[in-house]
Structure formats: C-alpha cells, structure tokens
Amino acid sequence: PGDMPGYFLNDFDQAARILADLDRPGIGLQFDLWHAARLEPDPLAIWHRVQPLVSHVQIAGLASRAEPCAAARVFCDRITDAGYGGWISAEYRPTPGAGFDWCAQWRAADLARGGRQG
C-alpha cells in the first residue's frame, strides 16, 4: 500500500485467497521478502501462513531494497533449512560500485554450511 497506493493486491493473505479461489495447481505465489518486511515486523510470520502456495522467493536489503542484507540471508537459511527448495532470486536497487560481493559471500557461506549449490 505504501509503494503503489490504490493497487488492488496489497497483502499476502489477499493473494492467498485469490489463489484459493482460482484453484489452479500451476499458479503459485511470489513471496517478496522486502514487501513482506514492510507489511509486518516478522516476515517469517507471513511466510508460515502462505508457504504452501509459494513457488518463488524474491529478496533484497530490507532497509532500502539495496543488495540483500544479513536479515535476508537469515530468512533464506531458515526457509531452505525447513525444506523450501524453490527458486530464490534477488531484485534490488544496486548500490553504485557494490558489485556482486554479497553473492560471493553467500556462496562461500553456503559451501561452509555443507555445500548447498547455486
């Protein structure tokens, strides 16, 4: 509601109701962590409500939608450790000159944790 006032779809529970009404197995929910964090202080609470519908997760830095932050990393670790195996992508506004250092750091941490690839 803050980014696009008047946009018809403005929370995850509403999206879940729409998906239930559609009852189409090939249609899933994109869980945008940045938007979830703006809607509720605990995005994991939203995740637990809608997780069975999620087919894609999108991450960014939670404060300014810059490169994914430590909180995004913790979120990704929690959901993958709990069994989520779908897509996770990053959509963010790059900080000038930042590059993809965050991605290399996450990959190194994944390998140190036991080898999650990609």
PDB file of N, CA and C in Angstrom:
ATOM      1  N   PRO A   1       0.804  -1.217   0.000  1.00  0.00           N
ATOM      2  CA  PRO A   1       0.000   0.000   0.000  1.00  0.00           C
ATOM      3  C   PRO A   1       0.851   1.288   0.000  1.00  0.00           C
ATOM      4  N   GLY A   2       2.063   1.224   0.541  1.00  0.00           N
ATOM      5  CA  GLY A   2       2.901   2.414   0.581  1.00  0.00           C
ATOM      6  C   GLY A   2       3.583   2.717  -0.738  1.00  0.00           C
ATOM      7  N   ASP A   3       3.915   1.691  -1.494  1.00  0.00           N
ATOM      8  CA  ASP A   3       4.643   1.891  -2.749  1.00  0.00           C
ATOM      9  C   ASP A   3       3.726   2.227  -3.914  1.00  0.00           C
ATOM     10  N   MET A   4       2.572   1.612  -3.954  1.00  0.00           N
ATOM     11  CA  MET A   4       1.617   1.810  -5.052  1.00  0.00           C
ATOM     12  C   MET A   4       0.218   1.995  -4.466  1.00  0.00           C
ATOM     13  N   PRO A   5      -0.045   3.141  -3.849  1.00  0.00           N
ATOM     14  CA  PRO A   5      -1.379   3.355  -3.257  1.00  0.00           C
ATOM     15  C   PRO A   5      -2.480   3.098  -4.289  1.00  0.00           C
ATOM     16  N   GLY A   6      -3.477   2.361  -3.854  1.00  0.00           N
ATOM     17  CA  GLY A   6      -4.598   2.046  -4.728  1.00  0.00           C
ATOM     18  C   GLY A   6      -4.426   0.768  -5.536  1.00  0.00           C
ATOM     19  N   TYR A   7      -3.239   0.158  -5.498  1.00  0.00           N
ATOM     20  CA  TYR A   7      -3.037  -1.101  -6.225  1.00  0.00           C
ATOM     21  C   TYR A   7      -3.930  -2.165  -5.598  1.00  0.00           C
ATOM     22  N   PHE A   8      -4.598  -2.951  -6.422  1.00  0.00           N
ATOM     23  CA  PHE A   8      -5.633  -3.852  -5.903  1.00  0.00           C
ATOM     24  C   PHE A   8      -5.090  -4.966  -4.999  1.00  0.00           C
ATOM     25  N   LEU A   9      -3.875  -5.400  -5.208  1.00  0.00           N
ATOM     26  CA  LEU A   9      -3.330  -6.520  -4.445  1.00  0.00           C
ATOM     27  C   LEU A   9      -2.286  -5.973  -3.486  1.00  0.00           C
ATOM     28  N   ASN A  10      -2.614  -5.953  -2.186  1.00  0.00           N
ATOM     29  CA  ASN A  10      -1.696  -5.288  -1.270  1.00  0.00           C
ATOM     30  C   ASN A  10      -1.353  -6.068  -0.013  1.00  0.00           C
ATOM     31  N   ASP A  11      -1.630  -7.364   0.006  1.00  0.00           N
ATOM     32  CA  ASP A  11      -1.097  -8.185   1.098  1.00  0.00           C
ATOM     33  C   ASP A  11      -1.112  -9.661   0.702  1.00  0.00           C
ATOM     34  N   PHE A  12      -0.314 -10.422   1.410  1.00  0.00           N
ATOM     35  CA  PHE A  12      -0.131 -11.834   1.074  1.00  0.00           C
ATOM     36  C   PHE A  12      -1.373 -12.664   1.358  1.00  0.00           C
ATOM     37  N   ASP A  13      -2.115 -12.319   2.396  1.00  0.00           N
ATOM     38  CA  ASP A  13      -3.329 -13.078   2.700  1.00  0.00           C
ATOM     39  C   ASP A  13      -4.371 -12.892   1.603  1.00  0.00           C
ATOM     40  N   GLN A  14      -4.460 -11.686   1.058  1.00  0.00           N
ATOM     41  CA  GLN A  14      -5.358 -11.438  -0.058  1.00  0.00           C
ATOM     42  C   GLN A  14      -4.928 -12.275  -1.269  1.00  0.00           C
ATOM     43  N   ALA A  15      -3.624 -12.315  -1.540  1.00  0.00           N
ATOM     44  CA  ALA A  15      -3.114 -13.133  -2.647  1.00  0.00           C
ATOM     45  C   ALA A  15      -3.445 -14.605  -2.419  1.00  0.00           C
ATOM     46  N   ALA A  16      -3.315 -15.077  -1.191  1.00  0.00           N
ATOM     47  CA  ALA A  16      -3.632 -16.471  -0.878  1.00  0.00           C
ATOM     48  C   ALA A  16      -5.109 -16.765  -1.138  1.00  0.00           C
ATOM     49  N   ARG A  17      -5.980 -15.824  -0.777  1.00  0.00           N
ATOM     50  CA  ARG A  17      -7.420 -16.015  -1.037  1.00  0.00           C
ATOM     51  C   ARG A  17      -7.701 -16.068  -2.540  1.00  0.00           C
ATOM     52  N   ILE A  18      -7.034 -15.219  -3.296  1.00  0.00           N
ATOM     53  CA  ILE A  18      -7.224 -15.217  -4.752  1.00  0.00           C
ATOM     54  C   ILE A  18      -6.755 -16.550  -5.347  1.00  0.00           C
ATOM     55  N   LEU A  19      -5.604 -17.035  -4.898  1.00  0.00           N
ATOM     56  CA  LEU A  19      -5.114 -18.328  -5.397  1.00  0.00           C
ATOM     57  C   LEU A  19      -6.060 -19.461  -5.025  1.00  0.00           C
ATOM     58  N   ALA A  20      -6.620 -19.392  -3.825  1.00  0.00           N
ATOM     59  CA  ALA A  20      -7.585 -20.425  -3.423  1.00  0.00           C
ATOM     60  C   ALA A  20      -8.830 -20.376  -4.311  1.00  0.00           C
ATOM     61  N   ASP A  21      -9.294 -19.169  -4.617  1.00  0.00           N
ATOM     62  CA  ASP A  21     -10.462 -19.029  -5.487  1.00  0.00           C
ATOM     63  C   ASP A  21     -10.173 -19.539  -6.899  1.00  0.00           C
ATOM     64  N   LEU A  22      -8.974 -19.301  -7.383  1.00  0.00           N
ATOM     65  CA  LEU A  22      -8.608 -19.758  -8.724  1.00  0.00           C
ATOM     66  C   LEU A  22      -8.479 -21.275  -8.791  1.00  0.00           C
ATOM     67  N   ASP A  23      -7.967 -21.857  -7.710  1.00  0.00           N
ATOM     68  CA  ASP A  23      -7.804 -23.313  -7.623  1.00  0.00           C
ATOM     69  C   ASP A  23      -7.114 -23.891  -8.855  1.00  0.00           C
ATOM     70  N   ARG A  24      -5.953 -23.315  -9.194  1.00  0.00           N
ATOM     71  CA  ARG A  24      -5.163 -23.760 -10.332  1.00  0.00           C
ATOM     72  C   ARG A  24      -3.812 -24.228  -9.825  1.00  0.00           C
ATOM     73  N   PRO A  25      -3.513 -25.511  -9.894  1.00  0.00           N
ATOM     74  CA  PRO A  25      -2.272 -26.041  -9.330  1.00  0.00           C
ATOM     75  C   PRO A  25      -1.003 -25.457  -9.948  1.00  0.00           C
ATOM     76  N   GLY A  26      -1.060 -24.961 -11.171  1.00  0.00           N
ATOM     77  CA  GLY A  26       0.130 -24.422 -11.821  1.00  0.00           C
ATOM     78  C   GLY A  26       0.446 -22.980 -11.478  1.00  0.00           C
ATOM     79  N   ILE A  27      -0.380 -22.354 -10.651  1.00  0.00           N
ATOM     80  CA  ILE A  27      -0.167 -20.946 -10.301  1.00  0.00           C
ATOM     81  C   ILE A  27       0.274 -20.870  -8.849  1.00  0.00           C
ATOM     82  N   GLY A  28       1.374 -20.170  -8.613  1.00  0.00           N
ATOM     83  CA  GLY A  28       1.892 -20.037  -7.259  1.00  0.00           C
ATOM     84  C   GLY A  28       2.067 -18.583  -6.865  1.00  0.00           C
ATOM     85  N   LEU A  29       2.531 -18.407  -5.672  1.00  0.00           N
ATOM     86  CA  LEU A  29       2.728 -17.079  -5.094  1.00  0.00           C
ATOM     87  C   LEU A  29       4.205 -16.726  -5.122  1.00  0.00           C
ATOM     88  N   GLN A  30       4.511 -15.507  -5.529  1.00  0.00           N
ATOM     89  CA  GLN A  30       5.867 -14.994  -5.390  1.00  0.00           C
ATOM     90  C   GLN A  30       5.946 -14.321  -4.025  1.00  0.00           C
ATOM     91  N   PHE A  31       6.824 -14.808  -3.182  1.00  0.00           N
ATOM     92  CA  PHE A  31       6.999 -14.233  -1.851  1.00  0.00           C
ATOM     93  C   PHE A  31       8.127 -13.221  -1.924  1.00  0.00           C
ATOM     94  N   ASP A  32       7.785 -11.943  -1.870  1.00  0.00           N
ATOM     95  CA  ASP A  32       8.772 -10.867  -1.926  1.00  0.00           C
ATOM     96  C   ASP A  32       9.108 -10.463  -0.493  1.00  0.00           C
ATOM     97  N   LEU A  33      10.303 -10.820  -0.066  1.00  0.00           N
ATOM     98  CA  LEU A  33      10.713 -10.568   1.319  1.00  0.00           C
ATOM     99  C   LEU A  33      10.697  -9.089   1.656  1.00  0.00           C
ATOM    100  N   TRP A  34      11.115  -8.245   0.746  1.00  0.00           N
ATOM    101  CA  TRP A  34      11.138  -6.805   1.015  1.00  0.00           C
ATOM    102  C   TRP A  34       9.726  -6.299   1.294  1.00  0.00           C
ATOM    103  N   HIS A  35       8.769  -6.706   0.463  1.00  0.00           N
ATOM    104  CA  HIS A  35       7.385  -6.280   0.695  1.00  0.00           C
ATOM    105  C   HIS A  35       6.834  -6.877   1.987  1.00  0.00           C
ATOM    106  N   ALA A  36       7.143  -8.138   2.251  1.00  0.00           N
ATOM    107  CA  ALA A  36       6.662  -8.771   3.483  1.00  0.00           C
ATOM    108  C   ALA A  36       7.169  -8.018   4.712  1.00  0.00           C
ATOM    109  N   ALA A  37       8.427  -7.608   4.684  1.00  0.00           N
ATOM    110  CA  ALA A  37       9.002  -6.883   5.822  1.00  0.00           C
ATOM    111  C   ALA A  37       8.369  -5.507   5.998  1.00  0.00           C
ATOM    112  N   ARG A  38       7.857  -4.941   4.941  1.00  0.00           N
ATOM    113  CA  ARG A  38       7.168  -3.648   5.043  1.00  0.00           C
ATOM    114  C   ARG A  38       5.741  -3.810   5.564  1.00  0.00           C
ATOM    115  N   LEU A  39       5.171  -4.995   5.385  1.00  0.00           N
ATOM    116  CA  LEU A  39       3.799  -5.230   5.829  1.00  0.00           C
ATOM    117  C   LEU A  39       3.712  -5.691   7.278  1.00  0.00           C
ATOM    118  N   GLU A  40       4.707  -6.450   7.727  1.00  0.00           N
ATOM    119  CA  GLU A  40       4.705  -6.995   9.091  1.00  0.00           C
ATOM    120  C   GLU A  40       6.118  -6.972   9.643  1.00  0.00           C
ATOM    121  N   PRO A  41       6.254  -6.771  10.955  1.00  0.00           N
ATOM    122  CA  PRO A  41       7.603  -6.764  11.537  1.00  0.00           C
ATOM    123  C   PRO A  41       8.323  -8.109  11.402  1.00  0.00           C
ATOM    124  N   ASP A  42       7.579  -9.196  11.302  1.00  0.00           N
ATOM    125  CA  ASP A  42       8.180 -10.518  11.200  1.00  0.00           C
ATOM    126  C   ASP A  42       7.752 -11.187   9.893  1.00  0.00           C
ATOM    127  N   PRO A  43       8.570 -11.055   8.831  1.00  0.00           N
ATOM    128  CA  PRO A  43       8.181 -11.674   7.559  1.00  0.00           C
ATOM    129  C   PRO A  43       8.012 -13.188   7.643  1.00  0.00           C
ATOM    130  N   LEU A  44       8.682 -13.826   8.597  1.00  0.00           N
ATOM    131  CA  LEU A  44       8.505 -15.278   8.754  1.00  0.00           C
ATOM    132  C   LEU A  44       7.073 -15.631   9.150  1.00  0.00           C
ATOM    133  N   ALA A  45       6.405 -14.738   9.862  1.00  0.00           N
ATOM    134  CA  ALA A  45       5.002 -14.989  10.220  1.00  0.00           C
ATOM    135  C   ALA A  45       4.148 -15.071   8.957  1.00  0.00           C
ATOM    136  N   ILE A  46       4.396 -14.155   8.014  1.00  0.00           N
ATOM    137  CA  ILE A  46       3.681 -14.213   6.733  1.00  0.00           C
ATOM    138  C   ILE A  46       4.067 -15.494   5.994  1.00  0.00           C
ATOM    139  N   TRP A  47       5.358 -15.781   5.981  1.00  0.00           N
ATOM    140  CA  TRP A  47       5.856 -16.986   5.294  1.00  0.00           C
ATOM    141  C   TRP A  47       5.122 -18.228   5.774  1.00  0.00           C
ATOM    142  N   HIS A  48       4.987 -18.377   7.081  1.00  0.00           N
ATOM    143  CA  HIS A  48       4.343 -19.580   7.625  1.00  0.00           C
ATOM    144  C   HIS A  48       2.881 -19.679   7.209  1.00  0.00           C
ATOM    145  N   ARG A  49       2.229 -18.542   7.004  1.00  0.00           N
ATOM    146  CA  ARG A  49       0.826 -18.562   6.577  1.00  0.00           C
ATOM    147  C   ARG A  49       0.679 -18.956   5.108  1.00  0.00           C
ATOM    148  N   VAL A  50       1.617 -18.535   4.262  1.00  0.00           N
ATOM    149  CA  VAL A  50       1.421 -18.716   2.820  1.00  0.00           C
ATOM    150  C   VAL A  50       2.391 -19.705   2.171  1.00  0.00           C
ATOM    151  N   GLN A  51       3.321 -20.243   2.919  1.00  0.00           N
ATOM    152  CA  GLN A  51       4.391 -21.077   2.364  1.00  0.00           C
ATOM    153  C   GLN A  51       3.913 -22.175   1.420  1.00  0.00           C
ATOM    154  N   PRO A  52       2.824 -22.873   1.714  1.00  0.00           N
ATOM    155  CA  PRO A  52       2.415 -23.927   0.764  1.00  0.00           C
ATOM    156  C   PRO A  52       2.085 -23.411  -0.637  1.00  0.00           C
ATOM    157  N   LEU A  53       1.805 -22.131  -0.753  1.00  0.00           N
ATOM    158  CA  LEU A  53       1.452 -21.543  -2.048  1.00  0.00           C
ATOM    159  C   LEU A  53       2.661 -20.970  -2.794  1.00  0.00           C
ATOM    160  N   VAL A  54       3.789 -20.848  -2.120  1.00  0.00           N
ATOM    161  CA  VAL A  54       4.946 -20.141  -2.673  1.00  0.00           C
ATOM    162  C   VAL A  54       5.669 -21.004  -3.705  1.00  0.00           C
ATOM    163  N   SER A  55       5.918 -20.395  -4.852  1.00  0.00           N
ATOM    164  CA  SER A  55       6.707 -21.062  -5.890  1.00  0.00           C
ATOM    165  C   SER A  55       7.970 -20.280  -6.226  1.00  0.00           C
ATOM    166  N   HIS A  56       8.130 -19.116  -5.643  1.00  0.00           N
ATOM    167  CA  HIS A  56       9.282 -18.267  -5.939  1.00  0.00           C
ATOM    168  C   HIS A  56       9.470 -17.295  -4.784  1.00  0.00           C
ATOM    169  N   VAL A  57      10.710 -17.091  -4.368  1.00  0.00           N
ATOM    170  CA  VAL A  57      11.042 -16.124  -3.322  1.00  0.00           C
ATOM    171  C   VAL A  57      11.942 -15.065  -3.933  1.00  0.00           C
ATOM    172  N   GLN A  58      11.653 -13.827  -3.587  1.00  0.00           N
ATOM    173  CA  GLN A  58      12.450 -12.704  -4.079  1.00  0.00           C
ATOM    174  C   GLN A  58      12.995 -11.958  -2.869  1.00  0.00           C
ATOM    175  N   ILE A  59      14.292 -11.621  -2.898  1.00  0.00           N
ATOM    176  CA  ILE A  59      14.927 -10.979  -1.754  1.00  0.00           C
ATOM    177  C   ILE A  59      15.604  -9.672  -2.151  1.00  0.00           C
ATOM    178  N   ALA A  60      15.862  -8.861  -1.132  1.00  0.00           N
ATOM    179  CA  ALA A  60      16.588  -7.599  -1.271  1.00  0.00           C
ATOM    180  C   ALA A  60      16.986  -7.172   0.129  1.00  0.00           C
ATOM    181  N   GLY A  61      17.748  -6.090   0.208  1.00  0.00           N
ATOM    182  CA  GLY A  61      18.029  -5.498   1.509  1.00  0.00           C
ATOM    183  C   GLY A  61      16.742  -4.963   2.094  1.00  0.00           C
ATOM    184  N   LEU A  62      16.512  -5.196   3.354  1.00  0.00           N
ATOM    185  CA  LEU A  62      15.214  -4.853   3.937  1.00  0.00           C
ATOM    186  C   LEU A  62      15.059  -3.367   4.233  1.00  0.00           C
ATOM    187  N   ALA A  63      16.128  -2.668   4.483  1.00  0.00           N
ATOM    188  CA  ALA A  63      16.004  -1.244   4.823  1.00  0.00           C
ATOM    189  C   ALA A  63      15.752  -0.380   3.590  1.00  0.00           C
ATOM    190  N   SER A  64      16.486  -0.634   2.516  1.00  0.00           N
ATOM    191  CA  SER A  64      16.409   0.282   1.381  1.00  0.00           C
ATOM    192  C   SER A  64      16.251  -0.415   0.030  1.00  0.00           C
ATOM    193  N   ARG A  65      16.009  -1.681   0.031  1.00  0.00           N
ATOM    194  CA  ARG A  65      15.901  -2.509  -1.179  1.00  0.00           C
ATOM    195  C   ARG A  65      17.197  -2.498  -1.985  1.00  0.00           C
ATOM    196  N   ALA A  66      18.312  -2.368  -1.281  1.00  0.00           N
ATOM    197  CA  ALA A  66      19.627  -2.490  -1.915  1.00  0.00           C
ATOM    198  C   ALA A  66      20.008  -3.970  -1.938  1.00  0.00           C
ATOM    199  N   GLU A  67      21.294  -4.265  -2.040  1.00  0.00           N
ATOM    200  CA  GLU A  67      21.759  -5.646  -2.048  1.00  0.00           C
ATOM    201  C   GLU A  67      21.188  -6.410  -0.855  1.00  0.00           C
ATOM    202  N   PRO A  68      20.913  -7.698  -1.040  1.00  0.00           N
ATOM    203  CA  PRO A  68      20.391  -8.498   0.069  1.00  0.00           C
ATOM    204  C   PRO A  68      21.274  -8.372   1.321  1.00  0.00           C
ATOM    205  N   CYS A  69      20.614  -8.230   2.455  1.00  0.00           N
ATOM    206  CA  CYS A  69      21.283  -7.964   3.725  1.00  0.00           C
ATOM    207  C   CYS A  69      21.368  -9.237   4.570  1.00  0.00           C
ATOM    208  N   ALA A  70      21.960  -9.091   5.755  1.00  0.00           N
ATOM    209  CA  ALA A  70      22.102 -10.234   6.667  1.00  0.00           C
ATOM    210  C   ALA A  70      20.745 -10.816   7.052  1.00  0.00           C
ATOM    211  N   ALA A  71      19.744  -9.966   7.255  1.00  0.00           N
ATOM    212  CA  ALA A  71      18.413 -10.475   7.613  1.00  0.00           C
ATOM    213  C   ALA A  71      17.816 -11.297   6.472  1.00  0.00           C
ATOM    214  N   ALA A  72      18.067 -10.890   5.235  1.00  0.00           N
ATOM    215  CA  ALA A  72      17.601 -11.681   4.086  1.00  0.00           C
ATOM    216  C   ALA A  72      18.308 -13.021   4.054  1.00  0.00           C
ATOM    217  N   ARG A  73      19.579 -13.010   4.400  1.00  0.00           N
ATOM    218  CA  ARG A  73      20.348 -14.254   4.444  1.00  0.00           C
ATOM    219  C   ARG A  73      19.780 -15.209   5.495  1.00  0.00           C
ATOM    220  N   VAL A  74      19.498 -14.680   6.672  1.00  0.00           N
ATOM    221  CA  VAL A  74      18.925 -15.498   7.749  1.00  0.00           C
ATOM    222  C   VAL A  74      17.584 -16.077   7.302  1.00  0.00           C
ATOM    223  N   PHE A  75      16.762 -15.249   6.669  1.00  0.00           N
ATOM    224  CA  PHE A  75      15.470 -15.714   6.176  1.00  0.00           C
ATOM    225  C   PHE A  75      15.663 -16.869   5.192  1.00  0.00           C
ATOM    226  N   CYS A  76      16.546 -16.695   4.215  1.00  0.00           N
ATOM    227  CA  CYS A  76      16.792 -17.747   3.215  1.00  0.00           C
ATOM    228  C   CYS A  76      17.289 -19.031   3.869  1.00  0.00           C
ATOM    229  N   ASP A  77      18.201 -18.891   4.823  1.00  0.00           N
ATOM    230  CA  ASP A  77      18.701 -20.077   5.526  1.00  0.00           C
ATOM    231  C   ASP A  77      17.570 -20.793   6.257  1.00  0.00           C
ATOM    232  N   ARG A  78      16.712 -20.032   6.915  1.00  0.00           N
ATOM    233  CA  ARG A  78      15.615 -20.659   7.670  1.00  0.00           C
ATOM    234  C   ARG A  78      14.649 -21.400   6.765  1.00  0.00           C
ATOM    235  N   ILE A  79      14.269 -20.764   5.658  1.00  0.00           N
ATOM    236  CA  ILE A  79      13.270 -21.430   4.819  1.00  0.00           C
ATOM    237  C   ILE A  79      13.859 -22.625   4.082  1.00  0.00           C
ATOM    238  N   THR A  80      15.119 -22.532   3.659  1.00  0.00           N
ATOM    239  CA  THR A  80      15.714 -23.686   2.976  1.00  0.00           C
ATOM    240  C   THR A  80      16.022 -24.803   3.961  1.00  0.00           C
ATOM    241  N   ASP A  81      16.448 -24.461   5.170  1.00  0.00           N
ATOM    242  CA  ASP A  81      16.678 -25.491   6.187  1.00  0.00           C
ATOM    243  C   ASP A  81      15.375 -26.203   6.546  1.00  0.00           C
ATOM    244  N   ALA A  82      14.250 -25.490   6.411  1.00  0.00           N
ATOM    245  CA  ALA A  82      12.943 -26.072   6.727  1.00  0.00           C
ATOM    246  C   ALA A  82      12.342 -26.816   5.538  1.00  0.00           C
ATOM    247  N   GLY A  83      13.058 -26.851   4.408  1.00  0.00           N
ATOM    248  CA  GLY A  83      12.586 -27.657   3.298  1.00  0.00           C
ATOM    249  C   GLY A  83      12.209 -26.928   2.033  1.00  0.00           C
ATOM    250  N   TYR A  84      12.196 -25.583   2.034  1.00  0.00           N
ATOM    251  CA  TYR A  84      11.868 -24.883   0.788  1.00  0.00           C
ATOM    252  C   TYR A  84      12.959 -25.155  -0.234  1.00  0.00           C
ATOM    253  N   GLY A  85      12.571 -25.615  -1.411  1.00  0.00           N
ATOM    254  CA  GLY A  85      13.536 -25.926  -2.449  1.00  0.00           C
ATOM    255  C   GLY A  85      13.268 -25.216  -3.754  1.00  0.00           C
ATOM    256  N   GLY A  86      12.408 -24.211  -3.728  1.00  0.00           N
ATOM    257  CA  GLY A  86      12.074 -23.490  -4.954  1.00  0.00           C
ATOM    258  C   GLY A  86      13.069 -22.385  -5.268  1.00  0.00           C
ATOM    259  N   TRP A  87      12.706 -21.602  -6.237  1.00  0.00           N
ATOM    260  CA  TRP A  87      13.558 -20.511  -6.692  1.00  0.00           C
ATOM    261  C   TRP A  87      13.694 -19.425  -5.635  1.00  0.00           C
ATOM    262  N   ILE A  88      14.897 -18.872  -5.538  1.00  0.00           N
ATOM    263  CA  ILE A  88      15.160 -17.666  -4.758  1.00  0.00           C
ATOM    264  C   ILE A  88      15.949 -16.747  -5.680  1.00  0.00           C
ATOM    265  N   SER A  89      15.445 -15.543  -5.865  1.00  0.00           N
ATOM    266  CA  SER A  89      16.142 -14.581  -6.712  1.00  0.00           C
ATOM    267  C   SER A  89      16.264 -13.262  -5.960  1.00  0.00           C
ATOM    268  N   ALA A  90      17.101 -12.396  -6.488  1.00  0.00           N
ATOM    269  CA  ALA A  90      17.294 -11.084  -5.888  1.00  0.00           C
ATOM    270  C   ALA A  90      16.788 -10.018  -6.847  1.00  0.00           C
ATOM    271  N   GLU A  91      15.940  -9.138  -6.344  1.00  0.00           N
ATOM    272  CA  GLU A  91      15.526  -7.962  -7.086  1.00  0.00           C
ATOM    273  C   GLU A  91      15.774  -6.793  -6.162  1.00  0.00           C
ATOM    274  N   TYR A  92      16.693  -5.934  -6.549  1.00  0.00           N
ATOM    275  CA  TYR A  92      17.073  -4.844  -5.659  1.00  0.00           C
ATOM    276  C   TYR A  92      17.615  -3.680  -6.470  1.00  0.00           C
ATOM    277  N   ARG A  93      17.798  -2.556  -5.786  1.00  0.00           N
ATOM    278  CA  ARG A  93      18.393  -1.378  -6.396  1.00  0.00           C
ATOM    279  C   ARG A  93      19.872  -1.377  -6.026  1.00  0.00           C
ATOM    280  N   PRO A  94      20.746  -1.690  -6.970  1.00  0.00           N
ATOM    281  CA  PRO A  94      22.166  -1.821  -6.645  1.00  0.00           C
ATOM    282  C   PRO A  94      22.768  -0.525  -6.103  1.00  0.00           C
ATOM    283  N   THR A  95      23.580  -0.679  -5.092  1.00  0.00           N
ATOM    284  CA  THR A  95      24.360   0.432  -4.588  1.00  0.00           C
ATOM    285  C   THR A  95      25.484   0.687  -5.587  1.00  0.00           C
ATOM    286  N   PRO A  96      25.673   1.927  -6.034  1.00  0.00           N
ATOM    287  CA  PRO A  96      26.740   2.188  -7.008  1.00  0.00           C
ATOM    288  C   PRO A  96      28.085   1.638  -6.528  1.00  0.00           C
ATOM    289  N   GLY A  97      28.717   0.854  -7.395  1.00  0.00           N
ATOM    290  CA  GLY A  97      30.027   0.297  -7.102  1.00  0.00           C
ATOM    291  C   GLY A  97      30.025  -0.945  -6.233  1.00  0.00           C
ATOM    292  N   ALA A  98      28.860  -1.407  -5.784  1.00  0.00           N
ATOM    293  CA  ALA A  98      28.808  -2.538  -4.856  1.00  0.00           C
ATOM    294  C   ALA A  98      29.114  -3.867  -5.535  1.00  0.00           C
ATOM    295  N   GLY A  99      28.746  -4.022  -6.786  1.00  0.00           N
ATOM    296  CA  GLY A  99      29.004  -5.282  -7.473  1.00  0.00           C
ATOM    297  C   GLY A  99      28.212  -6.432  -6.875  1.00  0.00           C
ATOM    298  N   PHE A 100      28.765  -7.628  -7.026  1.00  0.00           N
ATOM    299  CA  PHE A 100      28.099  -8.833  -6.548  1.00  0.00           C
ATOM    300  C   PHE A 100      28.841  -9.472  -5.384  1.00  0.00           C
ATOM    301  N   ASP A 101      29.533  -8.671  -4.590  1.00  0.00           N
ATOM    302  CA  ASP A 101      30.256  -9.215  -3.436  1.00  0.00           C
ATOM    303  C   ASP A 101      29.337 -10.006  -2.516  1.00  0.00           C
ATOM    304  N   TRP A 102      28.128  -9.528  -2.330  1.00  0.00           N
ATOM    305  CA  TRP A 102      27.187 -10.216  -1.441  1.00  0.00           C
ATOM    306  C   TRP A 102      26.947 -11.645  -1.924  1.00  0.00           C
ATOM    307  N   CYS A 103      26.863 -11.819  -3.237  1.00  0.00           N
ATOM    308  CA  CYS A 103      26.582 -13.135  -3.804  1.00  0.00           C
ATOM    309  C   CYS A 103      27.752 -14.099  -3.550  1.00  0.00           C
ATOM    310  N   ALA A 104      28.962 -13.621  -3.747  1.00  0.00           N
ATOM    311  CA  ALA A 104      30.144 -14.462  -3.485  1.00  0.00           C
ATOM    312  C   ALA A 104      30.228 -14.832  -2.009  1.00  0.00           C
ATOM    313  N   GLN A 105      29.902 -13.884  -1.131  1.00  0.00           N
ATOM    314  CA  GLN A 105      29.927 -14.163   0.311  1.00  0.00           C
ATOM    315  C   GLN A 105      28.873 -15.198   0.679  1.00  0.00           C
ATOM    316  N   TRP A 106      27.679 -15.100   0.110  1.00  0.00           N
ATOM    317  CA  TRP A 106      26.624 -16.069   0.395  1.00  0.00           C
ATOM    318  C   TRP A 106      27.027 -17.450  -0.103  1.00  0.00           C
ATOM    319  N   ARG A 107      27.607 -17.504  -1.297  1.00  0.00           N
ATOM    320  CA  ARG A 107      28.012 -18.801  -1.843  1.00  0.00           C
ATOM    321  C   ARG A 107      29.067 -19.454  -0.955  1.00  0.00           C
ATOM    322  N   ALA A 108      30.044 -18.667  -0.509  1.00  0.00           N
ATOM    323  CA  ALA A 108      31.083 -19.200   0.376  1.00  0.00           C
ATOM    324  C   ALA A 108      30.459 -19.703   1.677  1.00  0.00           C
ATOM    325  N   ALA A 109      29.510 -18.971   2.211  1.00  0.00           N
ATOM    326  CA  ALA A 109      28.841 -19.390   3.444  1.00  0.00           C
ATOM    327  C   ALA A 109      28.040 -20.671   3.206  1.00  0.00           C
ATOM    328  N   ASP A 110      27.373 -20.775   2.043  1.00  0.00           N
ATOM    329  CA  ASP A 110      26.628 -21.988   1.714  1.00  0.00           C
ATOM    330  C   ASP A 110      27.548 -23.203   1.680  1.00  0.00           C
ATOM    331  N   LEU A 111      28.673 -23.051   1.028  1.00  0.00           N
ATOM    332  CA  LEU A 111      29.612 -24.161   0.929  1.00  0.00           C
ATOM    333  C   LEU A 111      30.151 -24.535   2.306  1.00  0.00           C
ATOM    334  N   ALA A 112      30.391 -23.541   3.148  1.00  0.00           N
ATOM    335  CA  ALA A 112      30.881 -23.805   4.508  1.00  0.00           C
ATOM    336  C   ALA A 112      29.820 -24.508   5.354  1.00  0.00           C
ATOM    337  N   ARG A 113      28.537 -24.265   5.061  1.00  0.00           N
ATOM    338  CA  ARG A 113      27.437 -24.879   5.804  1.00  0.00           C
ATOM    339  C   ARG A 113      27.184 -26.315   5.377  1.00  0.00           C
ATOM    340  N   GLY A 114      27.781 -26.740   4.272  1.00  0.00           N
ATOM    341  CA  GLY A 114      27.548 -28.120   3.858  1.00  0.00           C
ATOM    342  C   GLY A 114      27.301 -28.289   2.394  1.00  0.00           C
ATOM    343  N   GLY A 115      27.507 -27.243   1.620  1.00  0.00           N
ATOM    344  CA  GLY A 115      27.531 -27.433   0.202  1.00  0.00           C
ATOM    345  C   GLY A 115      26.284 -27.148  -0.590  1.00  0.00           C
ATOM    346  N   ARG A 116      25.328 -26.386  -0.049  1.00  0.00           N
ATOM    347  CA  ARG A 116      24.188 -26.021  -0.890  1.00  0.00           C
ATOM    348  C   ARG A 116      24.740 -25.324  -2.123  1.00  0.00           C
ATOM    349  N   GLN A 117      24.374 -25.749  -3.267  1.00  0.00           N
ATOM    350  CA  GLN A 117      24.937 -25.217  -4.517  1.00  0.00           C
ATOM    351  C   GLN A 117      24.013 -24.161  -5.112  1.00  0.00           C
ATOM    352  N   GLY A 118      24.588 -23.200  -5.825  1.00  0.00           N
ATOM    353  CA  GLY A 118      23.808 -22.234  -6.590  1.00  0.00           C
ATOM    354  C   GLY A 118      23.551 -20.959  -5.893  1.00  0.00           C
TER     355      GLY A 118
END
